[in-house]
Amino acid sequence: MHLNRELANVFRFLANALEWQGENAFKVRAYRLAAETIESLNEPVEEVVARNALRDLPHIGEAVDKKVRQYLTEGTFPALERVKQQVPEGVQELLNLPGMTGRAVRALQERLGIDDLTAFRGAVQDASLEKEKWTPAVREALQRAAAFVRSHQVT
C-alpha cells in the first residue's frame, strides 16, 4: 500500500504545480480528487490495475488511468516530467509539503519573496507568516505546512 500513498503524493504534487502555474481549476481539482481516491484504496493500486478496475473508481478517468499505468511501469509519466522541468526546484520543495497548495506557494512568493524550503523554514521560525493577512484557504495551507516543518527536520 506504500505505492498507493506514493502515487497519491505524485498526483497531489501535479495538482499543486499546475495550480501554481495557473492551469485550469478543473484539471487541478481532477488530480486532487484522483489522489484522494488512490490514497483511500483498501488494496494495492497495482492489484486494481491488474484487474483493469481502476477506471471503475470515482474520479479516475482515462487520462489518470494511463498515467497510473505508466508510473507503475516506468516510475514517471510525461506530464509529471514536464512539470518538473517547468517548476523551479525550490518551488517544488514547497509544493511537496503536506497541506501546501499552488495558490499558497504563489502567495508566499508574491508577498514575502519565499521561493524555497529554507526561506519558508525561516519565515516559520521568525513568525513572519503570521504577520500577513491571508485568505482562509491560503492560511490553512500555510498552517498545515508550517506545522509539518516545525515537527520534522525537513531539509
N, C-alpha and C. Protein backbone atom coordinates (compact mmCIF):
# COMPACT_ATOMS: atom_id res chain seq x y z
N MET A 1 0.82 -1.19 0.00
CA MET A 1 0.00 0.00 0.00
C MET A 1 0.87 1.26 0.00
N HIS A 2 2.17 1.04 0.14
CA HIS A 2 3.11 2.16 0.08
C HIS A 2 3.01 2.88 -1.27
N LEU A 3 2.82 2.11 -2.31
CA LEU A 3 2.72 2.69 -3.65
C LEU A 3 1.46 3.54 -3.81
N ASN A 4 0.40 3.18 -3.11
CA ASN A 4 -0.82 4.00 -3.15
C ASN A 4 -0.52 5.41 -2.66
N ARG A 5 0.15 5.50 -1.54
CA ARG A 5 0.49 6.80 -0.95
C ARG A 5 1.45 7.57 -1.86
N GLU A 6 2.43 6.86 -2.40
CA GLU A 6 3.39 7.48 -3.31
C GLU A 6 2.68 8.07 -4.53
N LEU A 7 1.80 7.29 -5.13
CA LEU A 7 1.06 7.77 -6.29
C LEU A 7 0.14 8.94 -5.93
N ALA A 8 -0.50 8.85 -4.78
CA ALA A 8 -1.36 9.95 -4.33
C ALA A 8 -0.53 11.22 -4.19
N ASN A 9 0.66 11.10 -3.64
CA ASN A 9 1.54 12.27 -3.49
C ASN A 9 1.97 12.82 -4.85
N VAL A 10 2.19 11.94 -5.81
CA VAL A 10 2.55 12.38 -7.16
C VAL A 10 1.41 13.20 -7.76
N PHE A 11 0.19 12.71 -7.64
CA PHE A 11 -0.94 13.44 -8.22
C PHE A 11 -1.23 14.73 -7.44
N ARG A 12 -1.01 14.72 -6.14
CA ARG A 12 -1.16 15.95 -5.35
C ARG A 12 -0.13 16.99 -5.78
N PHE A 13 1.11 16.55 -5.96
CA PHE A 13 2.16 17.45 -6.42
C PHE A 13 1.81 18.00 -7.80
N LEU A 14 1.36 17.14 -8.70
CA LEU A 14 0.99 17.57 -10.04
C LEU A 14 -0.12 18.62 -9.98
N ALA A 15 -1.12 18.38 -9.16
CA ALA A 15 -2.21 19.35 -9.00
C ALA A 15 -1.68 20.67 -8.47
N ASN A 16 -0.83 20.62 -7.46
CA ASN A 16 -0.27 21.84 -6.87
C ASN A 16 0.59 22.61 -7.87
N ALA A 17 1.41 21.87 -8.61
CA ALA A 17 2.29 22.52 -9.58
C ALA A 17 1.47 23.18 -10.69
N LEU A 18 0.44 22.50 -11.15
CA LEU A 18 -0.41 23.08 -12.19
C LEU A 18 -1.16 24.30 -11.65
N GLU A 19 -1.60 24.23 -10.40
CA GLU A 19 -2.26 25.38 -9.79
C GLU A 19 -1.28 26.55 -9.69
N TRP A 20 -0.06 26.28 -9.29
CA TRP A 20 0.97 27.31 -9.19
C TRP A 20 1.21 27.97 -10.55
N GLN A 21 1.14 27.15 -11.62
CA GLN A 21 1.34 27.66 -12.97
C GLN A 21 0.11 28.39 -13.51
N GLY A 22 -1.01 28.32 -12.80
CA GLY A 22 -2.21 28.99 -13.25
C GLY A 22 -3.07 28.16 -14.19
N GLU A 23 -2.89 26.86 -14.14
CA GLU A 23 -3.64 25.93 -15.00
C GLU A 23 -5.13 25.93 -14.63
N ASN A 24 -5.92 25.42 -15.52
CA ASN A 24 -7.37 25.28 -15.35
C ASN A 24 -7.72 24.63 -14.01
N ALA A 25 -8.62 25.26 -13.27
CA ALA A 25 -9.00 24.79 -11.94
C ALA A 25 -9.65 23.40 -11.98
N PHE A 26 -10.34 23.08 -13.07
CA PHE A 26 -10.97 21.77 -13.17
C PHE A 26 -9.93 20.66 -13.26
N LYS A 27 -8.85 20.91 -14.00
CA LYS A 27 -7.77 19.92 -14.12
C LYS A 27 -7.08 19.74 -12.77
N VAL A 28 -6.83 20.83 -12.08
CA VAL A 28 -6.21 20.78 -10.75
C VAL A 28 -7.08 19.95 -9.81
N ARG A 29 -8.36 20.26 -9.79
CA ARG A 29 -9.29 19.52 -8.92
C ARG A 29 -9.35 18.04 -9.29
N ALA A 30 -9.33 17.73 -10.56
CA ALA A 30 -9.37 16.34 -11.00
C ALA A 30 -8.18 15.55 -10.46
N TYR A 31 -6.99 16.15 -10.50
CA TYR A 31 -5.82 15.46 -9.97
C TYR A 31 -5.87 15.32 -8.46
N ARG A 32 -6.40 16.32 -7.78
CA ARG A 32 -6.54 16.22 -6.31
C ARG A 32 -7.52 15.11 -5.93
N LEU A 33 -8.63 15.04 -6.65
CA LEU A 33 -9.62 14.00 -6.36
C LEU A 33 -9.07 12.61 -6.69
N ALA A 34 -8.31 12.51 -7.76
CA ALA A 34 -7.67 11.23 -8.10
C ALA A 34 -6.70 10.82 -7.00
N ALA A 35 -5.96 11.77 -6.46
CA ALA A 35 -5.02 11.48 -5.37
C ALA A 35 -5.77 10.94 -4.16
N GLU A 36 -6.87 11.57 -3.81
CA GLU A 36 -7.67 11.11 -2.66
C GLU A 36 -8.20 9.70 -2.90
N THR A 37 -8.69 9.45 -4.09
CA THR A 37 -9.23 8.13 -4.43
C THR A 37 -8.16 7.06 -4.31
N ILE A 38 -7.00 7.31 -4.87
CA ILE A 38 -5.91 6.32 -4.84
C ILE A 38 -5.43 6.10 -3.41
N GLU A 39 -5.31 7.17 -2.65
CA GLU A 39 -4.83 7.04 -1.27
C GLU A 39 -5.83 6.28 -0.39
N SER A 40 -7.11 6.37 -0.71
CA SER A 40 -8.12 5.73 0.13
C SER A 40 -8.40 4.27 -0.25
N LEU A 41 -7.71 3.76 -1.26
CA LEU A 41 -7.92 2.37 -1.66
C LEU A 41 -7.62 1.43 -0.50
N ASN A 42 -8.40 0.36 -0.40
CA ASN A 42 -8.19 -0.65 0.64
C ASN A 42 -7.33 -1.81 0.16
N GLU A 43 -6.77 -1.65 -1.01
CA GLU A 43 -5.89 -2.66 -1.58
C GLU A 43 -4.82 -1.97 -2.40
N PRO A 44 -3.74 -2.65 -2.70
CA PRO A 44 -2.68 -2.04 -3.51
C PRO A 44 -3.19 -1.63 -4.88
N VAL A 45 -2.79 -0.46 -5.31
CA VAL A 45 -3.22 0.06 -6.61
C VAL A 45 -2.80 -0.87 -7.74
N GLU A 46 -1.69 -1.56 -7.56
CA GLU A 46 -1.22 -2.50 -8.59
C GLU A 46 -2.25 -3.60 -8.84
N GLU A 47 -2.91 -4.05 -7.78
CA GLU A 47 -3.92 -5.10 -7.93
C GLU A 47 -5.16 -4.58 -8.67
N VAL A 48 -5.53 -3.34 -8.37
CA VAL A 48 -6.67 -2.72 -9.05
C VAL A 48 -6.37 -2.58 -10.54
N VAL A 49 -5.15 -2.15 -10.85
CA VAL A 49 -4.74 -2.00 -12.24
C VAL A 49 -4.70 -3.37 -12.93
N ALA A 50 -4.17 -4.37 -12.25
CA ALA A 50 -4.08 -5.72 -12.84
C ALA A 50 -5.45 -6.27 -13.21
N ARG A 51 -6.48 -5.89 -12.44
CA ARG A 51 -7.86 -6.33 -12.73
C ARG A 51 -8.56 -5.42 -13.74
N ASN A 52 -7.84 -4.41 -14.22
CA ASN A 52 -8.43 -3.40 -15.11
C ASN A 52 -9.65 -2.73 -14.48
N ALA A 53 -9.56 -2.46 -13.18
CA ALA A 53 -10.69 -1.90 -12.45
C ALA A 53 -10.44 -0.46 -11.99
N LEU A 54 -9.33 0.12 -12.39
CA LEU A 54 -9.01 1.47 -11.91
C LEU A 54 -10.06 2.48 -12.36
N ARG A 55 -10.50 2.37 -13.58
CA ARG A 55 -11.48 3.33 -14.11
C ARG A 55 -12.87 3.14 -13.53
N ASP A 56 -13.07 2.06 -12.79
CA ASP A 56 -14.34 1.85 -12.10
C ASP A 56 -14.44 2.71 -10.84
N LEU A 57 -13.31 3.24 -10.41
CA LEU A 57 -13.27 4.04 -9.19
C LEU A 57 -13.71 5.47 -9.48
N PRO A 58 -14.25 6.14 -8.47
CA PRO A 58 -14.64 7.55 -8.68
C PRO A 58 -13.41 8.41 -8.94
N HIS A 59 -13.57 9.39 -9.80
CA HIS A 59 -12.55 10.39 -10.10
C HIS A 59 -11.34 9.85 -10.86
N ILE A 60 -11.47 8.66 -11.43
CA ILE A 60 -10.38 8.10 -12.22
C ILE A 60 -10.88 7.93 -13.65
N GLY A 61 -10.41 8.79 -14.52
CA GLY A 61 -10.78 8.71 -15.93
C GLY A 61 -9.65 8.12 -16.75
N GLU A 62 -9.81 8.19 -18.03
CA GLU A 62 -8.84 7.60 -18.95
C GLU A 62 -7.44 8.20 -18.78
N ALA A 63 -7.36 9.52 -18.64
CA ALA A 63 -6.06 10.19 -18.54
C ALA A 63 -5.32 9.77 -17.27
N VAL A 64 -6.01 9.73 -16.15
CA VAL A 64 -5.37 9.33 -14.89
C VAL A 64 -5.00 7.85 -14.94
N ASP A 65 -5.88 7.03 -15.47
CA ASP A 65 -5.60 5.60 -15.61
C ASP A 65 -4.30 5.39 -16.38
N LYS A 66 -4.15 6.09 -17.48
CA LYS A 66 -2.95 5.97 -18.30
C LYS A 66 -1.70 6.41 -17.53
N LYS A 67 -1.82 7.51 -16.79
CA LYS A 67 -0.68 8.00 -16.01
C LYS A 67 -0.31 7.02 -14.91
N VAL A 68 -1.30 6.44 -14.25
CA VAL A 68 -1.02 5.46 -13.19
C VAL A 68 -0.30 4.26 -13.78
N ARG A 69 -0.79 3.75 -14.88
CA ARG A 69 -0.16 2.58 -15.51
C ARG A 69 1.28 2.89 -15.92
N GLN A 70 1.49 4.07 -16.47
CA GLN A 70 2.83 4.43 -16.89
C GLN A 70 3.74 4.60 -15.67
N TYR A 71 3.22 5.18 -14.60
CA TYR A 71 4.01 5.34 -13.39
C TYR A 71 4.40 3.98 -12.81
N LEU A 72 3.47 3.04 -12.83
CA LEU A 72 3.76 1.71 -12.29
C LEU A 72 4.84 0.99 -13.08
N THR A 73 4.90 1.22 -14.38
CA THR A 73 5.91 0.53 -15.20
C THR A 73 7.20 1.31 -15.34
N GLU A 74 7.12 2.66 -15.36
CA GLU A 74 8.31 3.48 -15.65
C GLU A 74 8.76 4.37 -14.50
N GLY A 75 7.92 4.51 -13.48
CA GLY A 75 8.27 5.37 -12.35
C GLY A 75 8.02 6.84 -12.61
N THR A 76 7.40 7.18 -13.72
CA THR A 76 7.08 8.56 -14.06
C THR A 76 6.12 8.56 -15.24
N PHE A 77 5.73 9.75 -15.68
CA PHE A 77 4.93 9.90 -16.90
C PHE A 77 5.21 11.29 -17.45
N PRO A 78 4.97 11.50 -18.75
CA PRO A 78 5.38 12.74 -19.40
C PRO A 78 4.87 14.03 -18.74
N ALA A 79 3.63 14.07 -18.31
CA ALA A 79 3.10 15.31 -17.70
C ALA A 79 3.86 15.64 -16.43
N LEU A 80 4.22 14.64 -15.65
CA LEU A 80 4.98 14.86 -14.42
C LEU A 80 6.38 15.38 -14.75
N GLU A 81 7.02 14.79 -15.71
CA GLU A 81 8.37 15.23 -16.10
C GLU A 81 8.34 16.65 -16.65
N ARG A 82 7.33 16.97 -17.42
CA ARG A 82 7.19 18.32 -17.98
C ARG A 82 7.06 19.36 -16.85
N VAL A 83 6.23 19.06 -15.88
CA VAL A 83 6.04 19.98 -14.75
C VAL A 83 7.35 20.12 -13.96
N LYS A 84 8.04 19.02 -13.75
CA LYS A 84 9.31 19.08 -13.01
C LYS A 84 10.34 19.95 -13.73
N GLN A 85 10.29 19.97 -15.06
CA GLN A 85 11.21 20.82 -15.82
C GLN A 85 10.80 22.28 -15.77
N GLN A 86 9.50 22.55 -15.68
CA GLN A 86 9.00 23.92 -15.74
C GLN A 86 8.97 24.63 -14.40
N VAL A 87 8.88 23.89 -13.32
CA VAL A 87 8.73 24.48 -11.99
C VAL A 87 10.10 24.48 -11.29
N PRO A 88 10.54 25.65 -10.79
CA PRO A 88 11.84 25.70 -10.11
C PRO A 88 11.92 24.72 -8.94
N GLU A 89 13.11 24.21 -8.71
CA GLU A 89 13.32 23.20 -7.67
C GLU A 89 12.84 23.65 -6.29
N GLY A 90 13.15 24.90 -5.93
CA GLY A 90 12.72 25.41 -4.62
C GLY A 90 11.21 25.44 -4.48
N VAL A 91 10.53 25.79 -5.56
CA VAL A 91 9.06 25.80 -5.56
C VAL A 91 8.55 24.36 -5.44
N GLN A 92 9.21 23.42 -6.09
CA GLN A 92 8.83 22.02 -5.97
C GLN A 92 8.91 21.55 -4.52
N GLU A 93 9.97 21.97 -3.82
CA GLU A 93 10.09 21.60 -2.40
C GLU A 93 8.88 22.09 -1.62
N LEU A 94 8.49 23.32 -1.86
CA LEU A 94 7.35 23.88 -1.15
C LEU A 94 6.06 23.16 -1.53
N LEU A 95 5.88 22.88 -2.80
CA LEU A 95 4.66 22.22 -3.27
C LEU A 95 4.51 20.82 -2.70
N ASN A 96 5.61 20.21 -2.31
CA ASN A 96 5.58 18.86 -1.75
C ASN A 96 5.31 18.83 -0.25
N LEU A 97 5.28 19.98 0.40
CA LEU A 97 4.97 19.99 1.83
C LEU A 97 3.52 19.58 2.06
N PRO A 98 3.27 18.75 3.06
CA PRO A 98 1.88 18.36 3.36
C PRO A 98 1.01 19.59 3.61
N GLY A 99 -0.13 19.61 2.97
CA GLY A 99 -1.08 20.70 3.15
C GLY A 99 -0.87 21.88 2.22
N MET A 100 0.28 21.97 1.60
CA MET A 100 0.58 23.13 0.75
C MET A 100 -0.20 23.04 -0.56
N THR A 101 -0.49 24.19 -1.12
CA THR A 101 -1.17 24.27 -2.41
C THR A 101 -0.39 25.20 -3.33
N GLY A 102 -0.67 25.12 -4.61
CA GLY A 102 -0.04 26.01 -5.58
C GLY A 102 -0.38 27.46 -5.30
N ARG A 103 -1.62 27.72 -4.93
CA ARG A 103 -2.06 29.07 -4.63
C ARG A 103 -1.29 29.64 -3.41
N ALA A 104 -1.07 28.81 -2.41
CA ALA A 104 -0.35 29.27 -1.23
C ALA A 104 1.12 29.58 -1.55
N VAL A 105 1.74 28.74 -2.37
CA VAL A 105 3.13 28.99 -2.76
C VAL A 105 3.22 30.27 -3.57
N ARG A 106 2.29 30.47 -4.48
CA ARG A 106 2.28 31.70 -5.27
C ARG A 106 2.14 32.92 -4.34
N ALA A 107 1.29 32.84 -3.34
CA ALA A 107 1.11 33.94 -2.39
C ALA A 107 2.39 34.19 -1.59
N LEU A 108 3.07 33.12 -1.18
CA LEU A 108 4.34 33.26 -0.47
C LEU A 108 5.36 34.01 -1.32
N GLN A 109 5.44 33.63 -2.58
CA GLN A 109 6.39 34.27 -3.48
C GLN A 109 6.06 35.75 -3.66
N GLU A 110 4.82 36.04 -3.94
CA GLU A 110 4.42 37.40 -4.26
C GLU A 110 4.49 38.33 -3.05
N ARG A 111 4.12 37.84 -1.87
CA ARG A 111 4.05 38.71 -0.70
C ARG A 111 5.33 38.76 0.12
N LEU A 112 6.02 37.61 0.21
CA LEU A 112 7.19 37.55 1.09
C LEU A 112 8.48 37.17 0.37
N GLY A 113 8.40 36.91 -0.93
CA GLY A 113 9.59 36.53 -1.67
C GLY A 113 10.11 35.15 -1.32
N ILE A 114 9.28 34.33 -0.74
CA ILE A 114 9.68 32.97 -0.34
C ILE A 114 9.52 32.05 -1.53
N ASP A 115 10.64 31.42 -1.94
CA ASP A 115 10.56 30.53 -3.08
C ASP A 115 11.33 29.22 -2.89
N ASP A 116 11.63 28.89 -1.62
CA ASP A 116 12.23 27.59 -1.36
C ASP A 116 11.99 27.21 0.11
N LEU A 117 12.36 26.00 0.45
CA LEU A 117 12.11 25.45 1.77
C LEU A 117 12.90 26.19 2.85
N THR A 118 14.12 26.58 2.55
CA THR A 118 14.94 27.29 3.53
C THR A 118 14.28 28.61 3.93
N ALA A 119 13.82 29.35 2.95
CA ALA A 119 13.16 30.63 3.23
C ALA A 119 11.85 30.40 3.98
N PHE A 120 11.11 29.35 3.61
CA PHE A 120 9.86 29.05 4.32
C PHE A 120 10.14 28.69 5.77
N ARG A 121 11.15 27.85 5.99
CA ARG A 121 11.52 27.47 7.36
C ARG A 121 11.87 28.72 8.17
N GLY A 122 12.60 29.66 7.56
CA GLY A 122 12.94 30.91 8.25
C GLY A 122 11.70 31.72 8.60
N ALA A 123 10.74 31.76 7.69
CA ALA A 123 9.50 32.50 7.94
C ALA A 123 8.67 31.84 9.04
N VAL A 124 8.74 30.53 9.11
CA VAL A 124 8.04 29.81 10.18
C VAL A 124 8.70 30.13 11.52
N GLN A 125 10.02 30.11 11.54
CA GLN A 125 10.75 30.35 12.79
C GLN A 125 10.62 31.78 13.29
N ASP A 126 10.63 32.75 12.38
CA ASP A 126 10.56 34.15 12.83
C ASP A 126 9.12 34.69 12.86
N ALA A 127 8.15 33.81 12.60
CA ALA A 127 6.72 34.14 12.68
C ALA A 127 6.29 35.19 11.65
N SER A 128 7.08 35.42 10.60
CA SER A 128 6.67 36.42 9.61
C SER A 128 5.44 35.98 8.82
N LEU A 129 5.16 34.68 8.78
CA LEU A 129 3.95 34.21 8.11
C LEU A 129 2.70 34.73 8.83
N GLU A 130 2.80 34.81 10.14
CA GLU A 130 1.65 35.21 10.96
C GLU A 130 1.36 36.70 10.88
N LYS A 131 2.28 37.48 10.38
CA LYS A 131 2.09 38.93 10.29
C LYS A 131 1.27 39.32 9.07
N GLU A 132 1.14 38.41 8.12
CA GLU A 132 0.40 38.69 6.88
C GLU A 132 -1.06 38.31 7.05
N LYS A 133 -1.91 38.98 6.28
CA LYS A 133 -3.33 38.61 6.22
C LYS A 133 -3.51 37.77 4.96
N TRP A 134 -3.89 36.51 5.16
CA TRP A 134 -4.05 35.56 4.08
C TRP A 134 -5.53 35.24 3.91
N THR A 135 -5.88 34.77 2.72
CA THR A 135 -7.24 34.25 2.54
C THR A 135 -7.36 33.00 3.42
N PRO A 136 -8.56 32.61 3.79
CA PRO A 136 -8.70 31.43 4.65
C PRO A 136 -8.05 30.17 4.06
N ALA A 137 -8.21 29.93 2.76
CA ALA A 137 -7.64 28.73 2.15
C ALA A 137 -6.11 28.76 2.18
N VAL A 138 -5.52 29.91 1.88
CA VAL A 138 -4.06 30.04 1.91
C VAL A 138 -3.56 29.92 3.35
N ARG A 139 -4.24 30.54 4.28
CA ARG A 139 -3.84 30.46 5.69
C ARG A 139 -3.84 29.02 6.17
N GLU A 140 -4.89 28.27 5.82
CA GLU A 140 -4.96 26.87 6.23
C GLU A 140 -3.80 26.06 5.64
N ALA A 141 -3.52 26.27 4.37
CA ALA A 141 -2.41 25.55 3.71
C ALA A 141 -1.08 25.88 4.38
N LEU A 142 -0.86 27.16 4.66
CA LEU A 142 0.39 27.58 5.28
C LEU A 142 0.51 27.03 6.71
N GLN A 143 -0.59 27.01 7.44
CA GLN A 143 -0.55 26.48 8.81
C GLN A 143 -0.22 25.00 8.82
N ARG A 144 -0.82 24.24 7.90
CA ARG A 144 -0.53 22.80 7.84
C ARG A 144 0.92 22.55 7.45
N ALA A 145 1.41 23.29 6.46
CA ALA A 145 2.80 23.12 6.02
C ALA A 145 3.76 23.56 7.13
N ALA A 146 3.45 24.66 7.80
CA ALA A 146 4.30 25.15 8.89
C ALA A 146 4.35 24.15 10.03
N ALA A 147 3.21 23.55 10.36
CA ALA A 147 3.17 22.55 11.43
C ALA A 147 4.06 21.37 11.07
N PHE A 148 4.03 20.96 9.81
CA PHE A 148 4.88 19.86 9.37
C PHE A 148 6.36 20.23 9.50
N VAL A 149 6.71 21.43 9.05
CA VAL A 149 8.11 21.88 9.12
C VAL A 149 8.57 21.95 10.57
N ARG A 150 7.71 22.43 11.47
CA ARG A 150 8.07 22.51 12.90
C ARG A 150 8.30 21.13 13.51
N SER A 151 7.49 20.15 13.09
CA SER A 151 7.55 18.84 13.73
C SER A 151 8.54 17.88 13.07
N HIS A 152 9.09 18.26 11.95
CA HIS A 152 10.04 17.41 11.23
C HIS A 152 11.30 18.20 10.89
N GLN A 153 12.39 17.52 10.86
CA GLN A 153 13.64 18.15 10.42
C GLN A 153 13.68 18.07 8.90
N VAL A 154 12.92 18.95 8.25
CA VAL A 154 12.84 18.96 6.80
C VAL A 154 14.03 19.73 6.25
N THR A 155 14.77 19.08 5.34
CA THR A 155 15.92 19.76 4.72
C THR A 155 15.76 19.84 3.24
